[in-house]
Amino acid sequence: MASAWYVLHTYSGHENRVKINLEQRVRSMGMSENLEQIIVPTQKVTEIKDGKKRVLTKTSFPGYVLVKMDLNDELWYIVRSTPGVMGFVGSGNHPIPLEEEEVENIISGGERRTR
């Protein structure tokens, strides 16, 4: 089976921790070849506080992490049992993969591209 993008539902504010935990768990279980990429979508936000302008990096979708992987039963269990992961986005125990175009749109911050 080819790799596909899936969305993990996590505790809000723990997205980066989930990314680190998942990378470590997959590596320690010898499943690294099945996991291609983990992305916590972020965006730059300009904030003015006390008259000072600051550029902050904020999570675009709090509580969600994108994972590109070749999902099998063992990897499904590893992901589901990772601290901070509440589950996959999908119906029941069947995660629904995202289309590549949807992922590109999320990563680019929702900007529309012209072809």
N, C-alpha and C. Protein backbone atom coordinates (compact mmCIF):
# COMPACT_ATOMS: atom_id res chain seq x y z
N MET A 1 0.85 -1.19 0.00
CA MET A 1 0.00 0.00 0.00
C MET A 1 0.88 1.25 0.00
N ALA A 2 0.49 2.24 -0.74
CA ALA A 2 1.27 3.47 -0.83
C ALA A 2 0.98 4.38 0.36
N SER A 3 1.91 5.28 0.60
CA SER A 3 1.74 6.24 1.70
C SER A 3 0.60 7.20 1.38
N ALA A 4 -0.08 7.62 2.44
CA ALA A 4 -1.17 8.59 2.31
C ALA A 4 -1.12 9.52 3.51
N TRP A 5 -1.76 10.67 3.38
CA TRP A 5 -1.84 11.65 4.46
C TRP A 5 -3.05 11.36 5.33
N TYR A 6 -2.84 11.39 6.64
CA TYR A 6 -3.91 11.21 7.61
C TYR A 6 -3.87 12.36 8.60
N VAL A 7 -4.99 12.62 9.24
CA VAL A 7 -5.07 13.68 10.25
C VAL A 7 -5.25 13.03 11.61
N LEU A 8 -4.39 13.43 12.56
CA LEU A 8 -4.52 12.95 13.94
C LEU A 8 -5.18 14.03 14.77
N HIS A 9 -6.08 13.62 15.63
CA HIS A 9 -6.70 14.53 16.59
C HIS A 9 -5.88 14.42 17.87
N THR A 10 -5.36 15.56 18.34
CA THR A 10 -4.51 15.58 19.53
C THR A 10 -5.09 16.53 20.57
N TYR A 11 -4.49 16.52 21.74
CA TYR A 11 -4.87 17.52 22.73
C TYR A 11 -4.37 18.87 22.22
N SER A 12 -5.22 19.88 22.28
CA SER A 12 -4.86 21.21 21.81
C SER A 12 -3.68 21.73 22.62
N GLY A 13 -2.68 22.26 21.93
CA GLY A 13 -1.48 22.76 22.59
C GLY A 13 -0.38 21.72 22.72
N HIS A 14 -0.67 20.47 22.39
CA HIS A 14 0.32 19.39 22.49
C HIS A 14 0.77 18.87 21.13
N GLU A 15 0.50 19.60 20.07
CA GLU A 15 0.78 19.14 18.72
C GLU A 15 2.27 18.83 18.50
N ASN A 16 3.16 19.74 18.92
CA ASN A 16 4.59 19.52 18.73
C ASN A 16 5.11 18.38 19.60
N ARG A 17 4.56 18.24 20.79
CA ARG A 17 4.93 17.15 21.68
C ARG A 17 4.52 15.81 21.06
N VAL A 18 3.33 15.77 20.48
CA VAL A 18 2.85 14.55 19.80
C VAL A 18 3.79 14.21 18.65
N LYS A 19 4.20 15.22 17.89
CA LYS A 19 5.11 14.98 16.76
C LYS A 19 6.41 14.33 17.25
N ILE A 20 6.99 14.88 18.29
CA ILE A 20 8.24 14.34 18.84
C ILE A 20 8.03 12.92 19.38
N ASN A 21 6.97 12.73 20.18
CA ASN A 21 6.68 11.41 20.75
C ASN A 21 6.47 10.36 19.66
N LEU A 22 5.71 10.72 18.64
CA LEU A 22 5.41 9.78 17.57
C LEU A 22 6.67 9.41 16.80
N GLU A 23 7.51 10.39 16.49
CA GLU A 23 8.78 10.10 15.79
C GLU A 23 9.64 9.15 16.60
N GLN A 24 9.74 9.38 17.91
CA GLN A 24 10.55 8.52 18.78
C GLN A 24 9.97 7.11 18.87
N ARG A 25 8.67 6.99 19.04
CA ARG A 25 8.02 5.68 19.17
C ARG A 25 8.18 4.86 17.88
N VAL A 26 7.95 5.49 16.74
CA VAL A 26 8.05 4.79 15.47
C VAL A 26 9.48 4.32 15.25
N ARG A 27 10.45 5.17 15.58
CA ARG A 27 11.86 4.81 15.44
C ARG A 27 12.21 3.63 16.35
N SER A 28 11.77 3.69 17.62
CA SER A 28 12.11 2.63 18.58
C SER A 28 11.44 1.30 18.24
N MET A 29 10.32 1.33 17.53
CA MET A 29 9.61 0.11 17.14
C MET A 29 10.07 -0.41 15.77
N GLY A 30 11.02 0.28 15.15
CA GLY A 30 11.55 -0.15 13.87
C GLY A 30 10.58 0.02 12.71
N MET A 31 9.71 1.02 12.80
CA MET A 31 8.71 1.24 11.76
C MET A 31 8.97 2.53 10.96
N SER A 32 10.19 3.05 11.04
CA SER A 32 10.51 4.33 10.39
C SER A 32 10.25 4.33 8.89
N GLU A 33 10.42 3.17 8.24
CA GLU A 33 10.21 3.12 6.79
C GLU A 33 8.75 3.33 6.41
N ASN A 34 7.83 3.16 7.37
CA ASN A 34 6.41 3.34 7.10
C ASN A 34 5.92 4.77 7.35
N LEU A 35 6.74 5.57 8.02
CA LEU A 35 6.36 6.94 8.36
C LEU A 35 7.22 7.91 7.56
N GLU A 36 6.59 8.68 6.67
CA GLU A 36 7.35 9.59 5.82
C GLU A 36 7.51 10.98 6.41
N GLN A 37 6.41 11.54 6.93
CA GLN A 37 6.47 12.95 7.35
C GLN A 37 5.37 13.25 8.36
N ILE A 38 5.71 14.13 9.33
CA ILE A 38 4.73 14.61 10.30
C ILE A 38 4.77 16.13 10.23
N ILE A 39 3.60 16.75 10.08
CA ILE A 39 3.54 18.21 9.97
C ILE A 39 2.54 18.77 10.97
N VAL A 40 3.00 19.79 11.70
CA VAL A 40 2.11 20.60 12.54
C VAL A 40 1.94 21.90 11.77
N PRO A 41 0.80 22.09 11.09
CA PRO A 41 0.61 23.31 10.28
C PRO A 41 0.66 24.57 11.14
N THR A 42 1.48 25.54 10.71
CA THR A 42 1.61 26.79 11.45
C THR A 42 1.46 27.97 10.49
N GLN A 43 1.29 29.14 11.08
CA GLN A 43 1.22 30.38 10.30
C GLN A 43 1.86 31.50 11.10
N LYS A 44 2.40 32.47 10.38
CA LYS A 44 2.99 33.64 11.03
C LYS A 44 1.90 34.67 11.27
N VAL A 45 1.85 35.20 12.48
CA VAL A 45 0.84 36.17 12.87
C VAL A 45 1.54 37.38 13.45
N THR A 46 1.18 38.58 12.97
CA THR A 46 1.75 39.81 13.51
C THR A 46 0.86 40.29 14.65
N GLU A 47 1.50 40.56 15.77
CA GLU A 47 0.76 40.99 16.96
C GLU A 47 1.37 42.29 17.47
N ILE A 48 0.52 43.23 17.83
CA ILE A 48 0.99 44.49 18.41
C ILE A 48 0.57 44.51 19.86
N LYS A 49 1.57 44.59 20.74
CA LYS A 49 1.31 44.58 22.17
C LYS A 49 2.19 45.65 22.81
N ASP A 50 1.58 46.51 23.59
CA ASP A 50 2.30 47.62 24.23
C ASP A 50 3.05 48.46 23.21
N GLY A 51 2.46 48.64 22.03
CA GLY A 51 3.06 49.46 20.99
C GLY A 51 4.20 48.79 20.25
N LYS A 52 4.50 47.53 20.56
CA LYS A 52 5.58 46.80 19.90
C LYS A 52 5.00 45.74 18.98
N LYS A 53 5.58 45.68 17.79
CA LYS A 53 5.12 44.74 16.78
C LYS A 53 5.96 43.46 16.88
N ARG A 54 5.27 42.32 16.97
CA ARG A 54 5.96 41.04 17.05
C ARG A 54 5.35 40.07 16.04
N VAL A 55 6.20 39.24 15.48
CA VAL A 55 5.72 38.19 14.57
C VAL A 55 5.80 36.87 15.33
N LEU A 56 4.65 36.23 15.48
CA LEU A 56 4.57 34.97 16.20
C LEU A 56 4.22 33.83 15.25
N THR A 57 4.66 32.64 15.59
CA THR A 57 4.26 31.45 14.85
C THR A 57 3.20 30.74 15.67
N LYS A 58 2.02 30.60 15.09
CA LYS A 58 0.91 29.95 15.79
C LYS A 58 0.44 28.73 15.00
N THR A 59 -0.10 27.78 15.71
CA THR A 59 -0.65 26.58 15.09
C THR A 59 -1.90 26.95 14.29
N SER A 60 -1.93 26.54 13.03
CA SER A 60 -3.06 26.85 12.15
C SER A 60 -4.32 26.08 12.55
N PHE A 61 -4.14 24.84 12.96
CA PHE A 61 -5.26 23.98 13.32
C PHE A 61 -4.99 23.34 14.68
N PRO A 62 -5.26 24.08 15.76
CA PRO A 62 -4.99 23.54 17.10
C PRO A 62 -5.71 22.20 17.30
N GLY A 63 -4.96 21.24 17.80
CA GLY A 63 -5.54 19.92 18.07
C GLY A 63 -5.42 18.94 16.91
N TYR A 64 -4.69 19.33 15.85
CA TYR A 64 -4.56 18.43 14.70
C TYR A 64 -3.13 18.39 14.18
N VAL A 65 -2.72 17.20 13.74
CA VAL A 65 -1.39 16.97 13.19
C VAL A 65 -1.57 16.15 11.91
N LEU A 66 -0.82 16.50 10.86
CA LEU A 66 -0.86 15.76 9.60
C LEU A 66 0.27 14.73 9.58
N VAL A 67 -0.04 13.51 9.16
CA VAL A 67 0.97 12.45 9.12
C VAL A 67 0.88 11.74 7.78
N LYS A 68 2.03 11.64 7.09
CA LYS A 68 2.09 10.87 5.84
C LYS A 68 2.75 9.54 6.16
N MET A 69 1.99 8.46 5.95
CA MET A 69 2.52 7.15 6.31
C MET A 69 1.85 6.05 5.48
N ASP A 70 2.52 4.91 5.49
CA ASP A 70 1.99 3.70 4.89
C ASP A 70 1.33 2.95 6.05
N LEU A 71 0.06 3.18 6.25
CA LEU A 71 -0.65 2.70 7.43
C LEU A 71 -0.92 1.20 7.37
N ASN A 72 -0.51 0.51 8.44
CA ASN A 72 -0.84 -0.90 8.62
C ASN A 72 -1.32 -1.08 10.05
N ASP A 73 -1.71 -2.28 10.44
CA ASP A 73 -2.27 -2.50 11.78
C ASP A 73 -1.30 -2.15 12.90
N GLU A 74 -0.02 -2.51 12.72
CA GLU A 74 0.97 -2.25 13.76
C GLU A 74 1.21 -0.74 13.93
N LEU A 75 1.34 -0.04 12.82
CA LEU A 75 1.56 1.41 12.88
C LEU A 75 0.31 2.11 13.42
N TRP A 76 -0.87 1.62 13.05
CA TRP A 76 -2.12 2.18 13.57
C TRP A 76 -2.12 2.11 15.10
N TYR A 77 -1.70 0.96 15.65
CA TYR A 77 -1.66 0.80 17.11
C TYR A 77 -0.62 1.74 17.74
N ILE A 78 0.56 1.85 17.13
CA ILE A 78 1.61 2.73 17.65
C ILE A 78 1.11 4.17 17.70
N VAL A 79 0.49 4.63 16.63
CA VAL A 79 -0.02 6.00 16.57
C VAL A 79 -1.10 6.22 17.62
N ARG A 80 -2.07 5.30 17.68
CA ARG A 80 -3.20 5.45 18.61
C ARG A 80 -2.76 5.43 20.07
N SER A 81 -1.67 4.72 20.38
CA SER A 81 -1.22 4.63 21.77
C SER A 81 -0.15 5.66 22.12
N THR A 82 0.15 6.58 21.20
CA THR A 82 1.11 7.64 21.48
C THR A 82 0.47 8.67 22.41
N PRO A 83 1.18 9.04 23.49
CA PRO A 83 0.62 10.03 24.42
C PRO A 83 0.24 11.33 23.70
N GLY A 84 -0.95 11.82 23.98
CA GLY A 84 -1.44 13.06 23.38
C GLY A 84 -2.31 12.86 22.17
N VAL A 85 -2.28 11.65 21.58
CA VAL A 85 -3.10 11.36 20.41
C VAL A 85 -4.46 10.87 20.88
N MET A 86 -5.51 11.54 20.42
CA MET A 86 -6.87 11.14 20.78
C MET A 86 -7.45 10.18 19.74
N GLY A 87 -6.92 10.23 18.54
CA GLY A 87 -7.39 9.32 17.50
C GLY A 87 -7.17 9.89 16.12
N PHE A 88 -7.59 9.14 15.14
CA PHE A 88 -7.53 9.58 13.75
C PHE A 88 -8.83 10.30 13.41
N VAL A 89 -8.75 11.21 12.45
CA VAL A 89 -9.97 11.81 11.92
C VAL A 89 -10.50 10.84 10.87
N GLY A 90 -11.74 10.46 11.02
CA GLY A 90 -12.34 9.48 10.12
C GLY A 90 -13.54 8.86 10.80
N SER A 91 -14.01 7.77 10.24
CA SER A 91 -15.17 7.12 10.83
C SER A 91 -14.74 5.89 11.61
N GLY A 92 -14.97 5.91 12.91
CA GLY A 92 -14.64 4.78 13.77
C GLY A 92 -13.18 4.42 13.72
N ASN A 93 -12.89 3.16 13.45
CA ASN A 93 -11.51 2.68 13.40
C ASN A 93 -10.93 2.73 12.00
N HIS A 94 -11.59 3.46 11.10
CA HIS A 94 -11.12 3.52 9.72
C HIS A 94 -10.76 4.96 9.35
N PRO A 95 -9.47 5.32 9.52
CA PRO A 95 -9.07 6.69 9.17
C PRO A 95 -9.25 6.94 7.68
N ILE A 96 -9.63 8.16 7.37
CA ILE A 96 -9.85 8.54 5.97
C ILE A 96 -8.66 9.38 5.51
N PRO A 97 -7.94 8.91 4.47
CA PRO A 97 -6.79 9.69 3.99
C PRO A 97 -7.23 10.97 3.29
N LEU A 98 -6.34 11.97 3.35
CA LEU A 98 -6.57 13.24 2.66
C LEU A 98 -6.03 13.15 1.24
N GLU A 99 -6.58 13.96 0.37
CA GLU A 99 -6.04 14.09 -0.98
C GLU A 99 -4.78 14.95 -0.90
N GLU A 100 -3.84 14.71 -1.79
CA GLU A 100 -2.59 15.48 -1.82
C GLU A 100 -2.88 16.98 -1.97
N GLU A 101 -3.87 17.34 -2.78
CA GLU A 101 -4.23 18.74 -2.99
C GLU A 101 -4.72 19.39 -1.69
N GLU A 102 -5.48 18.63 -0.89
CA GLU A 102 -5.97 19.15 0.39
C GLU A 102 -4.80 19.46 1.32
N VAL A 103 -3.82 18.57 1.35
CA VAL A 103 -2.65 18.76 2.21
C VAL A 103 -1.86 19.98 1.76
N GLU A 104 -1.66 20.12 0.46
CA GLU A 104 -0.93 21.28 -0.07
C GLU A 104 -1.64 22.58 0.31
N ASN A 105 -2.96 22.58 0.26
CA ASN A 105 -3.75 23.75 0.62
C ASN A 105 -3.58 24.08 2.11
N ILE A 106 -3.58 23.06 2.95
CA ILE A 106 -3.40 23.26 4.39
C ILE A 106 -2.01 23.81 4.68
N ILE A 107 -1.00 23.21 4.08
CA ILE A 107 0.39 23.62 4.32
C ILE A 107 0.64 25.04 3.83
N SER A 108 0.03 25.41 2.70
CA SER A 108 0.25 26.75 2.15
C SER A 108 -0.57 27.81 2.88
N GLY A 109 -1.33 27.41 3.86
CA GLY A 109 -2.10 28.37 4.64
C GLY A 109 -3.42 28.73 4.01
N GLY A 110 -3.90 27.88 3.11
CA GLY A 110 -5.20 28.12 2.51
C GLY A 110 -5.17 29.08 1.34
N GLU A 111 -3.98 29.47 0.91
CA GLU A 111 -3.88 30.38 -0.23
C GLU A 111 -4.29 29.63 -1.49
N ARG A 112 -5.07 30.29 -2.31
CA ARG A 112 -5.49 29.66 -3.56
C ARG A 112 -4.39 29.84 -4.60
N ARG A 113 -4.17 28.76 -5.33
CA ARG A 113 -3.15 28.81 -6.37
C ARG A 113 -3.82 28.86 -7.73
N THR A 114 -3.22 29.62 -8.62
CA THR A 114 -3.73 29.66 -9.98
C THR A 114 -2.83 28.79 -10.84
N ARG A 115 -3.46 28.13 -11.81
CA ARG A 115 -2.67 27.22 -12.66
C ARG A 115 -2.53 27.79 -14.04
